[in-house]
Amino acid sequence: MKVLLAALLASPLMAVAAPAPMPTVPSVDLARYAGTWYEVAVIPNRFQKQCVADTQARYTPDNGSVKVENRCRKADGEVDSIQGKAKPVEGSQNAKLKVTFFWPFKGDYWVLDIDPEYRYVLVGEPARKYGWVLSRTPQLDEATLSKLLDRAAELGYDKTAFHRTAQTKPLEP
């Protein structure tokens, strides 16, 4: 009886231990993805805690990988910047990348939804701890943002965890 009770109590815990697999878009054209993207919404994270506004990313193709430069405005008005590199995950058609800013640490960067014209994108990772809504422009219309956050919820994210990023004085591309 004790074993059965323990098994019944443990089964709900095991069910939430591993999130469901998360699909990405079928493919990403890295040449079209290149350029500047403005952060419209983000799930706050420790590695961007210094950023208070005007967060953006710049991607540049580099012999099969991608140079990454992330910039943002800090509370004192200064601009913070970091460079890294992203490498496509084999077999993912560039929809999954491994990004590193500090070797040997790598993070997942998965393209979960993208506009056919590459105007906006939803990016995340399989544990659903991190997520970003990016746009080619500093502002994104409410209907599009809502659509992307609904898509994040369909994929298992808590859409209320996303916070808007202020684009008060966007950095030069």
Protein backbone atom coordinates (compact mmCIF):
# COMPACT_ATOMS: atom_id res chain seq x y z
CA MET A 1 0.00 0.00 0.00
CA LYS A 2 2.83 2.42 0.89
CA VAL A 3 4.52 1.71 -2.44
CA LEU A 4 1.31 2.37 -4.35
CA LEU A 5 0.71 5.61 -2.43
CA ALA A 6 4.30 6.73 -3.09
CA ALA A 7 3.92 5.94 -6.80
CA LEU A 8 0.66 7.87 -7.02
CA LEU A 9 2.17 10.89 -5.25
CA ALA A 10 5.31 10.85 -7.38
CA SER A 11 3.64 10.43 -10.78
CA PRO A 12 2.43 14.05 -11.08
CA LEU A 13 5.92 15.25 -10.22
CA MET A 14 7.46 13.10 -12.92
CA ALA A 15 4.94 14.37 -15.45
CA VAL A 16 6.11 17.98 -15.07
CA ALA A 17 9.81 17.18 -14.81
CA ALA A 18 10.44 17.11 -18.57
CA PRO A 19 8.80 19.71 -20.79
CA ALA A 20 7.24 18.50 -24.01
CA PRO A 21 9.46 18.69 -27.09
CA MET A 22 9.33 22.11 -28.67
CA PRO A 23 9.10 22.53 -32.43
CA THR A 24 11.03 25.17 -34.31
CA VAL A 25 10.35 26.69 -37.70
CA PRO A 26 11.34 24.35 -40.57
CA SER A 27 14.34 26.46 -41.62
CA VAL A 28 16.03 29.84 -41.30
CA ASP A 29 17.90 31.66 -44.06
CA LEU A 30 20.86 33.08 -42.15
CA ALA A 31 21.58 35.64 -44.87
CA ARG A 32 18.04 37.05 -44.49
CA TYR A 33 18.25 36.78 -40.69
CA ALA A 34 21.44 38.87 -40.65
CA GLY A 35 21.26 42.47 -39.55
CA THR A 36 19.83 44.34 -36.59
CA TRP A 37 16.94 43.12 -34.45
CA TYR A 38 15.32 45.14 -31.63
CA GLU A 39 14.15 43.37 -28.49
CA VAL A 40 10.43 44.04 -28.03
CA ALA A 41 9.76 41.59 -25.17
CA VAL A 42 11.90 39.29 -23.04
CA ILE A 43 11.66 36.83 -20.20
CA PRO A 44 13.97 38.59 -17.73
CA ASN A 45 17.23 36.76 -17.18
CA ARG A 46 20.42 37.18 -15.16
CA PHE A 47 22.72 37.79 -18.11
CA GLN A 48 20.71 40.85 -19.23
CA LYS A 49 20.01 42.27 -15.76
CA GLN A 50 22.09 45.40 -16.47
CA CYS A 51 19.88 46.26 -19.48
CA VAL A 52 17.11 48.76 -18.81
CA ALA A 53 16.24 49.84 -22.37
CA ASP A 54 17.11 49.86 -26.04
CA THR A 55 18.26 46.24 -26.27
CA GLN A 56 19.23 45.05 -29.71
CA ALA A 57 21.13 42.25 -31.42
CA ARG A 58 23.17 42.35 -34.58
CA TYR A 59 23.86 39.15 -36.52
CA THR A 60 26.53 38.82 -39.21
CA PRO A 61 27.15 35.61 -41.22
CA ASP A 62 30.70 34.31 -40.76
CA ASN A 63 31.79 31.21 -42.73
CA GLY A 64 28.89 28.95 -41.74
CA SER A 65 28.40 30.47 -38.30
CA VAL A 66 27.07 33.84 -37.13
CA LYS A 67 28.81 36.68 -35.30
CA VAL A 68 26.55 38.05 -32.58
CA GLU A 69 26.70 41.48 -30.98
CA ASN A 70 24.19 42.29 -28.25
CA ARG A 71 23.87 45.87 -27.01
CA CYS A 72 21.67 47.67 -24.53
CA ARG A 73 21.38 50.83 -22.50
CA LYS A 74 22.20 50.58 -18.77
CA ALA A 75 20.56 52.65 -16.01
CA ASP A 76 23.39 55.20 -16.11
CA GLY A 77 22.76 55.77 -19.85
CA GLU A 78 25.93 54.00 -20.96
CA VAL A 79 25.75 51.33 -23.66
CA ASP A 80 26.72 47.77 -22.71
CA SER A 81 27.93 45.44 -25.45
CA ILE A 82 28.98 41.82 -25.74
CA GLN A 83 30.15 39.76 -28.72
CA GLY A 84 29.64 36.08 -29.30
CA LYS A 85 29.28 33.43 -31.95
CA ALA A 86 26.39 31.19 -32.96
CA LYS A 87 26.74 27.91 -34.80
CA PRO A 88 23.83 26.11 -36.47
CA VAL A 89 22.91 22.74 -35.00
CA GLU A 90 23.45 20.05 -37.61
CA GLY A 91 20.22 18.88 -39.21
CA SER A 92 18.16 21.85 -37.93
CA GLN A 93 18.19 23.83 -41.22
CA ASN A 94 19.56 26.75 -39.13
CA ALA A 95 16.43 26.91 -36.92
CA LYS A 96 18.51 25.84 -33.90
CA LEU A 97 21.78 27.50 -32.99
CA LYS A 98 24.28 27.11 -30.17
CA VAL A 99 25.44 30.52 -28.97
CA THR A 100 28.52 31.22 -26.91
CA PHE A 101 29.65 34.47 -25.34
CA PHE A 102 32.02 32.91 -22.80
CA TRP A 103 33.80 29.74 -23.86
CA PRO A 104 33.07 26.92 -23.03
CA PHE A 105 29.48 27.85 -22.10
CA LYS A 106 26.87 27.48 -24.84
CA GLY A 107 23.18 28.28 -24.91
CA ASP A 108 20.33 27.21 -27.12
CA TYR A 109 18.84 29.75 -29.52
CA TRP A 110 15.82 28.27 -31.26
CA VAL A 111 13.71 30.12 -33.83
CA LEU A 112 10.15 29.25 -32.81
CA ASP A 113 8.20 31.54 -35.13
CA ILE A 114 9.31 33.94 -37.85
CA ASP A 115 7.57 36.28 -40.21
CA PRO A 116 7.92 35.15 -43.86
CA GLU A 117 9.44 38.57 -44.61
CA TYR A 118 11.83 38.30 -41.61
CA ARG A 119 10.30 41.37 -39.90
CA TYR A 120 9.77 39.75 -36.48
CA VAL A 121 10.69 36.56 -34.69
CA LEU A 122 10.00 34.54 -31.55
CA VAL A 123 13.15 32.96 -30.10
CA GLY A 124 13.41 30.53 -27.20
CA GLU A 125 15.04 27.40 -25.88
CA PRO A 126 13.76 23.94 -24.95
CA ALA A 127 13.55 24.44 -21.16
CA ARG A 128 11.40 27.55 -21.72
CA LYS A 129 13.42 29.61 -19.21
CA TYR A 130 14.46 32.18 -21.79
CA GLY A 131 12.51 33.84 -24.55
CA TRP A 132 12.63 36.89 -26.77
CA VAL A 133 10.39 38.69 -29.23
CA LEU A 134 12.53 40.58 -31.73
CA SER A 135 11.61 42.99 -34.49
CA ARG A 136 13.43 44.77 -37.30
CA THR A 137 11.96 48.01 -35.94
CA PRO A 138 12.07 49.36 -32.36
CA GLN A 139 8.28 49.01 -32.04
CA LEU A 140 5.96 46.14 -32.95
CA ASP A 141 2.22 46.54 -33.38
CA GLU A 142 0.06 45.12 -30.58
CA ALA A 143 -1.67 42.53 -32.78
CA THR A 144 1.64 41.02 -33.91
CA LEU A 145 3.09 41.02 -30.39
CA SER A 146 -0.06 39.37 -29.06
CA LYS A 147 0.12 36.73 -31.83
CA LEU A 148 3.74 35.92 -30.96
CA LEU A 149 3.00 35.70 -27.22
CA ASP A 150 0.03 33.43 -27.95
CA ARG A 151 2.37 31.23 -30.01
CA ALA A 152 4.80 31.15 -27.07
CA ALA A 153 1.93 29.98 -24.83
CA GLU A 154 1.03 27.26 -27.34
CA LEU A 155 4.64 26.06 -27.06
CA GLY A 156 4.46 25.82 -23.25
CA TYR A 157 5.72 29.25 -22.20
CA ASP A 158 3.96 31.38 -19.60
CA LYS A 159 3.23 34.36 -21.82
CA THR A 160 2.85 36.61 -18.76
CA ALA A 161 6.55 35.99 -18.02
CA PHE A 162 7.48 38.13 -21.04
CA HIS A 163 8.16 41.77 -20.16
CA ARG A 164 8.22 44.56 -22.70
CA THR A 165 11.55 46.11 -23.50
CA ALA A 166 11.60 49.89 -23.57
CA GLN A 167 12.96 51.31 -26.80
CA THR A 168 13.29 54.90 -25.57
CA LYS A 169 16.29 56.02 -27.61
CA PRO A 170 17.11 53.11 -29.92
CA LEU A 171 20.79 52.53 -30.54
CA GLU A 172 22.12 53.15 -34.02
CA PRO A 173 22.10 49.93 -36.06
